[in-house]
Amino acid sequence: MNCYYQTKGVVFDQNRNRLKKETVNVDDLIAWKDGWLILESKELGQVISILERWYGTKIIITDPILLKKKVTIKQQNENLEAVMEILGYLADFEYKIQNKIVTITRNN
């Protein structure tokens, strides 16, 4: 997906508990309509919130250190397990899916 239009957007900065302005790629923001999950340089804590909504699941992270790890992912029409495999590789964690609940633990 190529970037054709960028604009200013507002993002919630969880570290400082405030809003901040950022340049955003509009194509990436609306890509979900076509089944694309596009997250660039996002903290895992932000990614988890998006995935919970996207897949209708609850995700529990047992180690808060993982929340700050940054990941970039661009996938189309992937199931939750495939996305978790990719994220686990990128952020160095293991996961378990049971009854629509995902539990993430840090690799030792």
PDB file of N, CA and C in Angstrom:
ATOM      1  N   MET A   1       0.845  -1.164   0.000  1.00  0.00           N
ATOM      2  CA  MET A   1       0.000   0.000   0.000  1.00  0.00           C
ATOM      3  C   MET A   1       0.897   1.236   0.000  1.00  0.00           C
ATOM      4  N   ASN A   2       0.761   2.067  -0.999  1.00  0.00           N
ATOM      5  CA  ASN A   2       1.586   3.260  -1.116  1.00  0.00           C
ATOM      6  C   ASN A   2       0.919   4.439  -0.435  1.00  0.00           C
ATOM      7  N   CYS A   3       1.743   5.336   0.040  1.00  0.00           N
ATOM      8  CA  CYS A   3       1.234   6.527   0.711  1.00  0.00           C
ATOM      9  C   CYS A   3       0.922   7.585  -0.336  1.00  0.00           C
ATOM     10  N   TYR A   4      -0.333   7.983  -0.419  1.00  0.00           N
ATOM     11  CA  TYR A   4      -0.723   9.029  -1.340  1.00  0.00           C
ATOM     12  C   TYR A   4      -1.109  10.308  -0.623  1.00  0.00           C
ATOM     13  N   TYR A   5      -1.488  10.179   0.628  1.00  0.00           N
ATOM     14  CA  TYR A   5      -1.971  11.352   1.336  1.00  0.00           C
ATOM     15  C   TYR A   5      -1.581  11.281   2.802  1.00  0.00           C
ATOM     16  N   GLN A   6      -0.901  12.322   3.249  1.00  0.00           N
ATOM     17  CA  GLN A   6      -0.553  12.428   4.657  1.00  0.00           C
ATOM     18  C   GLN A   6      -1.185  13.698   5.210  1.00  0.00           C
ATOM     19  N   THR A   7      -1.516  13.652   6.479  1.00  0.00           N
ATOM     20  CA  THR A   7      -2.121  14.807   7.127  1.00  0.00           C
ATOM     21  C   THR A   7      -1.719  14.799   8.598  1.00  0.00           C
ATOM     22  N   LYS A   8      -2.038  15.844   9.291  1.00  0.00           N
ATOM     23  CA  LYS A   8      -1.799  15.889  10.729  1.00  0.00           C
ATOM     24  C   LYS A   8      -2.905  15.129  11.441  1.00  0.00           C
ATOM     25  N   GLY A   9      -2.527  14.382  12.436  1.00  0.00           N
ATOM     26  CA  GLY A   9      -3.485  13.642  13.236  1.00  0.00           C
ATOM     27  C   GLY A   9      -3.160  13.799  14.704  1.00  0.00           C
ATOM     28  N   VAL A  10      -4.035  13.317  15.529  1.00  0.00           N
ATOM     29  CA  VAL A  10      -3.836  13.382  16.974  1.00  0.00           C
ATOM     30  C   VAL A  10      -3.727  11.952  17.503  1.00  0.00           C
ATOM     31  N   VAL A  11      -2.691  11.721  18.310  1.00  0.00           N
ATOM     32  CA  VAL A  11      -2.432  10.411  18.888  1.00  0.00           C
ATOM     33  C   VAL A  11      -2.308  10.585  20.394  1.00  0.00           C
ATOM     34  N   PHE A  12      -2.853   9.634  21.146  1.00  0.00           N
ATOM     35  CA  PHE A  12      -2.736   9.677  22.598  1.00  0.00           C
ATOM     36  C   PHE A  12      -1.388   9.100  23.017  1.00  0.00           C
ATOM     37  N   ASP A  13      -0.568   9.890  23.707  1.00  0.00           N
ATOM     38  CA  ASP A  13       0.740   9.467  24.205  1.00  0.00           C
ATOM     39  C   ASP A  13       0.535   8.874  25.597  1.00  0.00           C
ATOM     40  N   GLN A  14       0.591   7.537  25.685  1.00  0.00           N
ATOM     41  CA  GLN A  14       0.344   6.870  26.968  1.00  0.00           C
ATOM     42  C   GLN A  14       1.432   7.174  27.992  1.00  0.00           C
ATOM     43  N   ASN A  15       2.656   7.404  27.537  1.00  0.00           N
ATOM     44  CA  ASN A  15       3.755   7.689  28.465  1.00  0.00           C
ATOM     45  C   ASN A  15       3.545   9.003  29.204  1.00  0.00           C
ATOM     46  N   ARG A  16       3.019   9.998  28.505  1.00  0.00           N
ATOM     47  CA  ARG A  16       2.836  11.320  29.108  1.00  0.00           C
ATOM     48  C   ARG A  16       1.381  11.622  29.440  1.00  0.00           C
ATOM     49  N   ASN A  17       0.498  10.675  29.113  1.00  0.00           N
ATOM     50  CA  ASN A  17      -0.929  10.813  29.396  1.00  0.00           C
ATOM     51  C   ASN A  17      -1.513  12.088  28.784  1.00  0.00           C
ATOM     52  N   ARG A  18      -1.171  12.312  27.498  1.00  0.00           N
ATOM     53  CA  ARG A  18      -1.684  13.501  26.812  1.00  0.00           C
ATOM     54  C   ARG A  18      -1.751  13.242  25.312  1.00  0.00           C
ATOM     55  N   LEU A  19      -2.436  14.128  24.628  1.00  0.00           N
ATOM     56  CA  LEU A  19      -2.535  14.055  23.173  1.00  0.00           C
ATOM     57  C   LEU A  19      -1.325  14.718  22.542  1.00  0.00           C
ATOM     58  N   LYS A  20      -0.919  14.210  21.355  1.00  0.00           N
ATOM     59  CA  LYS A  20       0.163  14.847  20.618  1.00  0.00           C
ATOM     60  C   LYS A  20      -0.160  14.806  19.130  1.00  0.00           C
ATOM     61  N   LYS A  21       0.339  15.794  18.398  1.00  0.00           N
ATOM     62  CA  LYS A  21       0.127  15.865  16.962  1.00  0.00           C
ATOM     63  C   LYS A  21       1.192  15.037  16.255  1.00  0.00           C
ATOM     64  N   GLU A  22       0.766  14.340  15.200  1.00  0.00           N
ATOM     65  CA  GLU A  22       1.684  13.542  14.395  1.00  0.00           C
ATOM     66  C   GLU A  22       1.232  13.604  12.954  1.00  0.00           C
ATOM     67  N   THR A  23       2.184  13.445  12.053  1.00  0.00           N
ATOM     68  CA  THR A  23       1.820  13.265  10.659  1.00  0.00           C
ATOM     69  C   THR A  23       1.379  11.820  10.499  1.00  0.00           C
ATOM     70  N   VAL A  24       0.219  11.615   9.897  1.00  0.00           N
ATOM     71  CA  VAL A  24      -0.306  10.270   9.733  1.00  0.00           C
ATOM     72  C   VAL A  24      -0.548   9.990   8.256  1.00  0.00           C
ATOM     73  N   ASN A  25      -0.412   8.732   7.903  1.00  0.00           N
ATOM     74  CA  ASN A  25      -0.682   8.275   6.560  1.00  0.00           C
ATOM     75  C   ASN A  25      -2.154   7.883   6.499  1.00  0.00           C
ATOM     76  N   VAL A  26      -2.923   8.651   5.768  1.00  0.00           N
ATOM     77  CA  VAL A  26      -4.366   8.413   5.695  1.00  0.00           C
ATOM     78  C   VAL A  26      -4.657   7.042   5.101  1.00  0.00           C
ATOM     79  N   ASP A  27      -3.873   6.621   4.109  1.00  0.00           N
ATOM     80  CA  ASP A  27      -4.080   5.299   3.503  1.00  0.00           C
ATOM     81  C   ASP A  27      -3.983   4.195   4.547  1.00  0.00           C
ATOM     82  N   ASP A  28      -3.014   4.316   5.456  1.00  0.00           N
ATOM     83  CA  ASP A  28      -2.854   3.309   6.507  1.00  0.00           C
ATOM     84  C   ASP A  28      -4.019   3.328   7.490  1.00  0.00           C
ATOM     85  N   LEU A  29      -4.554   4.516   7.765  1.00  0.00           N
ATOM     86  CA  LEU A  29      -5.654   4.626   8.715  1.00  0.00           C
ATOM     87  C   LEU A  29      -6.937   3.977   8.211  1.00  0.00           C
ATOM     88  N   ILE A  30      -7.154   3.998   6.916  1.00  0.00           N
ATOM     89  CA  ILE A  30      -8.386   3.430   6.373  1.00  0.00           C
ATOM     90  C   ILE A  30      -8.173   2.056   5.732  1.00  0.00           C
ATOM     91  N   ALA A  31      -6.969   1.525   5.826  1.00  0.00           N
ATOM     92  CA  ALA A  31      -6.648   0.240   5.204  1.00  0.00           C
ATOM     93  C   ALA A  31      -7.456  -0.917   5.800  1.00  0.00           C
ATOM     94  N   TRP A  32      -7.931  -0.785   7.029  1.00  0.00           N
ATOM     95  CA  TRP A  32      -8.697  -1.848   7.684  1.00  0.00           C
ATOM     96  C   TRP A  32      -9.924  -2.224   6.865  1.00  0.00           C
ATOM     97  N   LYS A  33     -10.459  -1.267   6.066  1.00  0.00           N
ATOM     98  CA  LYS A  33     -11.642  -1.561   5.248  1.00  0.00           C
ATOM     99  C   LYS A  33     -11.366  -2.679   4.243  1.00  0.00           C
ATOM    100  N   ASP A  34     -10.100  -2.787   3.834  1.00  0.00           N
ATOM    101  CA  ASP A  34      -9.696  -3.807   2.861  1.00  0.00           C
ATOM    102  C   ASP A  34      -8.990  -4.984   3.524  1.00  0.00           C
ATOM    103  N   GLY A  35      -9.115  -5.080   4.860  1.00  0.00           N
ATOM    104  CA  GLY A  35      -8.535  -6.213   5.574  1.00  0.00           C
ATOM    105  C   GLY A  35      -7.064  -6.061   5.922  1.00  0.00           C
ATOM    106  N   TRP A  36      -6.505  -4.858   5.779  1.00  0.00           N
ATOM    107  CA  TRP A  36      -5.094  -4.635   6.099  1.00  0.00           C
ATOM    108  C   TRP A  36      -4.930  -4.204   7.551  1.00  0.00           C
ATOM    109  N   LEU A  37      -3.968  -4.802   8.218  1.00  0.00           N
ATOM    110  CA  LEU A  37      -3.543  -4.379   9.555  1.00  0.00           C
ATOM    111  C   LEU A  37      -2.174  -3.741   9.368  1.00  0.00           C
ATOM    112  N   ILE A  38      -2.106  -2.414   9.489  1.00  0.00           N
ATOM    113  CA  ILE A  38      -0.857  -1.688   9.259  1.00  0.00           C
ATOM    114  C   ILE A  38      -0.520  -0.885  10.505  1.00  0.00           C
ATOM    115  N   LEU A  39       0.581  -1.253  11.145  1.00  0.00           N
ATOM    116  CA  LEU A  39       1.047  -0.580  12.357  1.00  0.00           C
ATOM    117  C   LEU A  39       2.536  -0.325  12.195  1.00  0.00           C
ATOM    118  N   GLU A  40       2.923   0.937  12.189  1.00  0.00           N
ATOM    119  CA  GLU A  40       4.321   1.281  11.993  1.00  0.00           C
ATOM    120  C   GLU A  40       4.911   1.878  13.261  1.00  0.00           C
ATOM    121  N   SER A  41       5.948   1.226  13.754  1.00  0.00           N
ATOM    122  CA  SER A  41       6.691   1.685  14.926  1.00  0.00           C
ATOM    123  C   SER A  41       5.759   2.019  16.095  1.00  0.00           C
ATOM    124  N   LYS A  42       4.892   1.076  16.421  1.00  0.00           N
ATOM    125  CA  LYS A  42       3.948   1.238  17.525  1.00  0.00           C
ATOM    126  C   LYS A  42       4.404   0.414  18.720  1.00  0.00           C
ATOM    127  N   GLU A  43       4.195   0.957  19.915  1.00  0.00           N
ATOM    128  CA  GLU A  43       4.485   0.201  21.127  1.00  0.00           C
ATOM    129  C   GLU A  43       3.499  -0.950  21.233  1.00  0.00           C
ATOM    130  N   LEU A  44       3.968  -2.064  21.756  1.00  0.00           N
ATOM    131  CA  LEU A  44       3.137  -3.253  21.856  1.00  0.00           C
ATOM    132  C   LEU A  44       1.860  -2.981  22.649  1.00  0.00           C
ATOM    133  N   GLY A  45       1.921  -2.105  23.630  1.00  0.00           N
ATOM    134  CA  GLY A  45       0.721  -1.742  24.386  1.00  0.00           C
ATOM    135  C   GLY A  45      -0.358  -1.161  23.489  1.00  0.00           C
ATOM    136  N   GLN A  46       0.032  -0.310  22.531  1.00  0.00           N
ATOM    137  CA  GLN A  46      -0.911   0.254  21.569  1.00  0.00           C
ATOM    138  C   GLN A  46      -1.423  -0.829  20.630  1.00  0.00           C
ATOM    139  N   VAL A  47      -0.528  -1.686  20.190  1.00  0.00           N
ATOM    140  CA  VAL A  47      -0.886  -2.759  19.266  1.00  0.00           C
ATOM    141  C   VAL A  47      -1.919  -3.683  19.899  1.00  0.00           C
ATOM    142  N   ILE A  48      -1.723  -3.987  21.167  1.00  0.00           N
ATOM    143  CA  ILE A  48      -2.637  -4.889  21.873  1.00  0.00           C
ATOM    144  C   ILE A  48      -4.057  -4.310  21.885  1.00  0.00           C
ATOM    145  N   SER A  49      -4.181  -3.028  22.156  1.00  0.00           N
ATOM    146  CA  SER A  49      -5.506  -2.392  22.158  1.00  0.00           C
ATOM    147  C   SER A  49      -6.180  -2.517  20.797  1.00  0.00           C
ATOM    148  N   ILE A  50      -5.419  -2.318  19.749  1.00  0.00           N
ATOM    149  CA  ILE A  50      -5.952  -2.426  18.393  1.00  0.00           C
ATOM    150  C   ILE A  50      -6.369  -3.863  18.099  1.00  0.00           C
ATOM    151  N   LEU A  51      -5.521  -4.814  18.466  1.00  0.00           N
ATOM    152  CA  LEU A  51      -5.822  -6.221  18.196  1.00  0.00           C
ATOM    153  C   LEU A  51      -7.048  -6.704  18.974  1.00  0.00           C
ATOM    154  N   GLU A  52      -7.218  -6.219  20.185  1.00  0.00           N
ATOM    155  CA  GLU A  52      -8.397  -6.609  20.969  1.00  0.00           C
ATOM    156  C   GLU A  52      -9.679  -6.199  20.248  1.00  0.00           C
ATOM    157  N   ARG A  53      -9.687  -4.991  19.705  1.00  0.00           N
ATOM    158  CA  ARG A  53     -10.864  -4.531  18.959  1.00  0.00           C
ATOM    159  C   ARG A  53     -10.996  -5.276  17.631  1.00  0.00           C
ATOM    160  N   TRP A  54      -9.873  -5.424  16.931  1.00  0.00           N
ATOM    161  CA  TRP A  54      -9.867  -6.021  15.598  1.00  0.00           C
ATOM    162  C   TRP A  54     -10.387  -7.465  15.629  1.00  0.00           C
ATOM    163  N   TYR A  55      -9.928  -8.234  16.628  1.00  0.00           N
ATOM    164  CA  TYR A  55     -10.263  -9.656  16.700  1.00  0.00           C
ATOM    165  C   TYR A  55     -11.306  -9.998  17.760  1.00  0.00           C
ATOM    166  N   GLY A  56     -11.783  -9.011  18.522  1.00  0.00           N
ATOM    167  CA  GLY A  56     -12.796  -9.272  19.541  1.00  0.00           C
ATOM    168  C   GLY A  56     -12.308 -10.219  20.621  1.00  0.00           C
ATOM    169  N   THR A  57     -11.101  -9.987  21.082  1.00  0.00           N
ATOM    170  CA  THR A  57     -10.486 -10.860  22.071  1.00  0.00           C
ATOM    171  C   THR A  57      -9.916 -10.045  23.221  1.00  0.00           C
ATOM    172  N   LYS A  58      -9.542 -10.693  24.273  1.00  0.00           N
ATOM    173  CA  LYS A  58      -8.860 -10.074  25.415  1.00  0.00           C
ATOM    174  C   LYS A  58      -7.408 -10.513  25.362  1.00  0.00           C
ATOM    175  N   ILE A  59      -6.485  -9.578  25.521  1.00  0.00           N
ATOM    176  CA  ILE A  59      -5.053  -9.901  25.486  1.00  0.00           C
ATOM    177  C   ILE A  59      -4.427  -9.451  26.794  1.00  0.00           C
ATOM    178  N   ILE A  60      -3.766 -10.382  27.453  1.00  0.00           N
ATOM    179  CA  ILE A  60      -3.121 -10.132  28.746  1.00  0.00           C
ATOM    180  C   ILE A  60      -1.615 -10.245  28.563  1.00  0.00           C
ATOM    181  N   ILE A  61      -0.889  -9.216  28.995  1.00  0.00           N
ATOM    182  CA  ILE A  61       0.571  -9.235  28.953  1.00  0.00           C
ATOM    183  C   ILE A  61       1.061  -9.388  30.382  1.00  0.00           C
ATOM    184  N   THR A  62       1.805 -10.467  30.645  1.00  0.00           N
ATOM    185  CA  THR A  62       2.241 -10.757  32.013  1.00  0.00           C
ATOM    186  C   THR A  62       3.488  -9.981  32.429  1.00  0.00           C
ATOM    187  N   ASP A  63       4.212  -9.390  31.481  1.00  0.00           N
ATOM    188  CA  ASP A  63       5.430  -8.646  31.798  1.00  0.00           C
ATOM    189  C   ASP A  63       5.330  -7.238  31.213  1.00  0.00           C
ATOM    190  N   PRO A  64       5.225  -6.205  32.061  1.00  0.00           N
ATOM    191  CA  PRO A  64       5.049  -4.833  31.577  1.00  0.00           C
ATOM    192  C   PRO A  64       6.193  -4.334  30.698  1.00  0.00           C
ATOM    193  N   ILE A  65       7.353  -4.952  30.771  1.00  0.00           N
ATOM    194  CA  ILE A  65       8.482  -4.548  29.915  1.00  0.00           C
ATOM    195  C   ILE A  65       8.100  -4.679  28.445  1.00  0.00           C
ATOM    196  N   LEU A  66       7.276  -5.664  28.141  1.00  0.00           N
ATOM    197  CA  LEU A  66       6.868  -5.896  26.755  1.00  0.00           C
ATOM    198  C   LEU A  66       6.029  -4.746  26.188  1.00  0.00           C
ATOM    199  N   LEU A  67       5.307  -4.039  27.032  1.00  0.00           N
ATOM    200  CA  LEU A  67       4.415  -2.981  26.571  1.00  0.00           C
ATOM    201  C   LEU A  67       5.133  -1.884  25.793  1.00  0.00           C
ATOM    202  N   LYS A  68       6.396  -1.637  26.090  1.00  0.00           N
ATOM    203  CA  LYS A  68       7.161  -0.547  25.466  1.00  0.00           C
ATOM    204  C   LYS A  68       7.894  -0.973  24.196  1.00  0.00           C
ATOM    205  N   LYS A  69       7.946  -2.272  23.923  1.00  0.00           N
ATOM    206  CA  LYS A  69       8.640  -2.732  22.717  1.00  0.00           C
ATOM    207  C   LYS A  69       7.908  -2.226  21.487  1.00  0.00           C
ATOM    208  N   LYS A  70       8.661  -1.709  20.513  1.00  0.00           N
ATOM    209  CA  LYS A  70       8.062  -1.180  19.291  1.00  0.00           C
ATOM    210  C   LYS A  70       8.115  -2.218  18.187  1.00  0.00           C
ATOM    211  N   VAL A  71       7.019  -2.274  17.432  1.00  0.00           N
ATOM    212  CA  VAL A  71       6.913  -3.223  16.324  1.00  0.00           C
ATOM    213  C   VAL A  71       6.300  -2.518  15.111  1.00  0.00           C
ATOM    214  N   THR A  72       6.574  -3.078  13.961  1.00  0.00           N
ATOM    215  CA  THR A  72       5.957  -2.653  12.707  1.00  0.00           C
ATOM    216  C   THR A  72       5.416  -3.898  12.037  1.00  0.00           C
ATOM    217  N   ILE A  73       4.168  -3.837  11.630  1.00  0.00           N
ATOM    218  CA  ILE A  73       3.550  -4.991  10.986  1.00  0.00           C
ATOM    219  C   ILE A  73       2.615  -4.491   9.892  1.00  0.00           C
ATOM    220  N   LYS A  74       2.614  -5.204   8.775  1.00  0.00           N
ATOM    221  CA  LYS A  74       1.724  -4.896   7.653  1.00  0.00           C
ATOM    222  C   LYS A  74       1.241  -6.227   7.102  1.00  0.00           C
ATOM    223  N   GLN A  75       0.020  -6.593   7.458  1.00  0.00           N
ATOM    224  CA  GLN A  75      -0.545  -7.886   7.077  1.00  0.00           C
ATOM    225  C   GLN A  75      -1.960  -7.696   6.557  1.00  0.00           C
ATOM    226  N   GLN A  76      -2.345  -8.541   5.624  1.00  0.00           N
ATOM    227  CA  GLN A  76      -3.711  -8.485   5.110  1.00  0.00           C
ATOM    228  C   GLN A  76      -4.419  -9.802   5.369  1.00  0.00           C
ATOM    229  N   ASN A  77      -5.617  -9.684   5.919  1.00  0.00           N
ATOM    230  CA  ASN A  77      -6.510 -10.830   6.120  1.00  0.00           C
ATOM    231  C   ASN A  77      -5.859 -11.999   6.856  1.00  0.00           C
ATOM    232  N   GLU A  78      -5.113 -11.716   7.891  1.00  0.00           N
ATOM    233  CA  GLU A  78      -4.480 -12.758   8.699  1.00  0.00           C
ATOM    234  C   GLU A  78      -5.340 -13.068   9.915  1.00  0.00           C
ATOM    235  N   ASN A  79      -5.330 -14.312  10.330  1.00  0.00           N
ATOM    236  CA  ASN A  79      -6.044 -14.660  11.550  1.00  0.00           C
ATOM    237  C   ASN A  79      -5.202 -14.255  12.764  1.00  0.00           C
ATOM    238  N   LEU A  80      -5.819 -14.275  13.925  1.00  0.00           N
ATOM    239  CA  LEU A  80      -5.155 -13.831  15.146  1.00  0.00           C
ATOM    240  C   LEU A  80      -3.881 -14.613  15.418  1.00  0.00           C
ATOM    241  N   GLU A  81      -3.914 -15.919  15.232  1.00  0.00           N
ATOM    242  CA  GLU A  81      -2.734 -16.734  15.510  1.00  0.00           C
ATOM    243  C   GLU A  81      -1.554 -16.347  14.612  1.00  0.00           C
ATOM    244  N   ALA A  82      -1.814 -16.074  13.348  1.00  0.00           N
ATOM    245  CA  ALA A  82      -0.739 -15.680  12.435  1.00  0.00           C
ATOM    246  C   ALA A  82      -0.127 -14.339  12.860  1.00  0.00           C
ATOM    247  N   VAL A  83      -0.979 -13.394  13.263  1.00  0.00           N
ATOM    248  CA  VAL A  83      -0.485 -12.091  13.716  1.00  0.00           C
ATOM    249  C   VAL A  83       0.326 -12.244  14.998  1.00  0.00           C
ATOM    250  N   MET A  84      -0.152 -13.078  15.921  1.00  0.00           N
ATOM    251  CA  MET A  84       0.581 -13.281  17.179  1.00  0.00           C
ATOM    252  C   MET A  84       1.937 -13.941  16.923  1.00  0.00           C
ATOM    253  N   GLU A  85       2.013 -14.846  15.968  1.00  0.00           N
ATOM    254  CA  GLU A  85       3.299 -15.475  15.612  1.00  0.00           C
ATOM    255  C   GLU A  85       4.295 -14.418  15.157  1.00  0.00           C
ATOM    256  N   ILE A  86       3.855 -13.531  14.287  1.00  0.00           N
ATOM    257  CA  ILE A  86       4.728 -12.471  13.773  1.00  0.00           C
ATOM    258  C   ILE A  86       5.148 -11.537  14.901  1.00  0.00           C
ATOM    259  N   LEU A  87       4.184 -11.087  15.697  1.00  0.00           N
ATOM    260  CA  LEU A  87       4.504 -10.176  16.798  1.00  0.00           C
ATOM    261  C   LEU A  87       5.417 -10.847  17.822  1.00  0.00           C
ATOM    262  N   GLY A  88       5.163 -12.114  18.108  1.00  0.00           N
ATOM    263  CA  GLY A  88       6.004 -12.844  19.052  1.00  0.00           C
ATOM    264  C   GLY A  88       7.441 -12.897  18.595  1.00  0.00           C
ATOM    265  N   TYR A  89       7.636 -13.084  17.316  1.00  0.00           N
ATOM    266  CA  TYR A  89       8.990 -13.103  16.754  1.00  0.00           C
ATOM    267  C   TYR A  89       9.633 -11.717  16.858  1.00  0.00           C
ATOM    268  N   LEU A  90       8.867 -10.673  16.500  1.00  0.00           N
ATOM    269  CA  LEU A  90       9.404  -9.310  16.521  1.00  0.00           C
ATOM    270  C   LEU A  90       9.712  -8.809  17.929  1.00  0.00           C
ATOM    271  N   ALA A  91       8.827  -9.096  18.879  1.00  0.00           N
ATOM    272  CA  ALA A  91       8.948  -8.545  20.240  1.00  0.00           C
ATOM    273  C   ALA A  91       9.495  -9.564  21.237  1.00  0.00           C
ATOM    274  N   ASP A  92       9.844 -10.756  20.754  1.00  0.00           N
ATOM    275  CA  ASP A  92      10.467 -11.794  21.579  1.00  0.00           C
ATOM    276  C   ASP A  92       9.567 -12.217  22.750  1.00  0.00           C
ATOM    277  N   PHE A  93       8.363 -12.710  22.392  1.00  0.00           N
ATOM    278  CA  PHE A  93       7.480 -13.238  23.417  1.00  0.00           C
ATOM    279  C   PHE A  93       6.820 -14.527  22.936  1.00  0.00           C
ATOM    280  N   GLU A  94       6.263 -15.239  23.905  1.00  0.00           N
ATOM    281  CA  GLU A  94       5.454 -16.419  23.614  1.00  0.00           C
ATOM    282  C   GLU A  94       4.016 -16.071  23.956  1.00  0.00           C
ATOM    283  N   TYR A  95       3.087 -16.783  23.351  1.00  0.00           N
ATOM    284  CA  TYR A  95       1.684 -16.507  23.609  1.00  0.00           C
ATOM    285  C   TYR A  95       0.902 -17.816  23.668  1.00  0.00           C
ATOM    286  N   LYS A  96      -0.259 -17.722  24.279  1.00  0.00           N
ATOM    287  CA  LYS A  96      -1.186 -18.855  24.339  1.00  0.00           C
ATOM    288  C   LYS A  96      -2.577 -18.296  24.125  1.00  0.00           C
ATOM    289  N   ILE A  97      -3.345 -18.942  23.234  1.00  0.00           N
ATOM    290  CA  ILE A  97      -4.723 -18.531  22.978  1.00  0.00           C
ATOM    291  C   ILE A  97      -5.641 -19.602  23.538  1.00  0.00           C
ATOM    292  N   GLN A  98      -6.545 -19.158  24.422  1.00  0.00           N
ATOM    293  CA  GLN A  98      -7.499 -20.094  25.026  1.00  0.00           C
ATOM    294  C   GLN A  98      -8.804 -19.358  25.283  1.00  0.00           C
ATOM    295  N   ASN A  99      -9.892 -19.851  24.692  1.00  0.00           N
ATOM    296  CA  ASN A  99     -11.219 -19.258  24.893  1.00  0.00           C
ATOM    297  C   ASN A  99     -11.252 -17.760  24.606  1.00  0.00           C
ATOM    298  N   LYS A 100     -10.723 -17.341  23.465  1.00  0.00           N
ATOM    299  CA  LYS A 100     -10.702 -15.932  23.047  1.00  0.00           C
ATOM    300  C   LYS A 100      -9.906 -15.033  23.984  1.00  0.00           C
ATOM    301  N   ILE A 101      -9.017 -15.636  24.776  1.00  0.00           N
ATOM    302  CA  ILE A 101      -8.110 -14.867  25.638  1.00  0.00           C
ATOM    303  C   ILE A 101      -6.684 -15.217  25.227  1.00  0.00           C
ATOM    304  N   VAL A 102      -5.889 -14.197  24.956  1.00  0.00           N
ATOM    305  CA  VAL A 102      -4.486 -14.388  24.590  1.00  0.00           C
ATOM    306  C   VAL A 102      -3.646 -13.971  25.781  1.00  0.00           C
ATOM    307  N   THR A 103      -2.746 -14.841  26.202  1.00  0.00           N
ATOM    308  CA  THR A 103      -1.812 -14.527  27.283  1.00  0.00           C
ATOM    309  C   THR A 103      -0.414 -14.462  26.689  1.00  0.00           C
ATOM    310  N   ILE A 104       0.265 -13.335  26.916  1.00  0.00           N
ATOM    311  CA  ILE A 104       1.606 -13.096  26.376  1.00  0.00           C
ATOM    312  C   ILE A 104       2.598 -13.113  27.515  1.00  0.00           C
ATOM    313  N   THR A 105       3.675 -13.896  27.350  1.00  0.00           N
ATOM    314  CA  THR A 105       4.767 -13.944  28.332  1.00  0.00           C
ATOM    315  C   THR A 105       6.078 -13.697  27.593  1.00  0.00           C
ATOM    316  N   ARG A 106       6.987 -13.029  28.269  1.00  0.00           N
ATOM    317  CA  ARG A 106       8.294 -12.701  27.686  1.00  0.00           C
ATOM    318  C   ARG A 106       9.152 -13.951  27.617  1.00  0.00           C
ATOM    319  N   ASN A 107       9.870 -14.085  26.494  1.00  0.00           N
ATOM    320  CA  ASN A 107      10.858 -15.172  26.386  1.00  0.00           C
ATOM    321  C   ASN A 107      12.004 -14.910  27.355  1.00  0.00           C
ATOM    322  N   ASN A 108      12.530 -15.964  27.931  1.00  0.00           N
ATOM    323  CA  ASN A 108      13.660 -15.811  28.867  1.00  0.00           C
ATOM    324  C   ASN A 108      14.975 -15.978  28.159  1.00  0.00           C
TER     325      ASN A 108
END
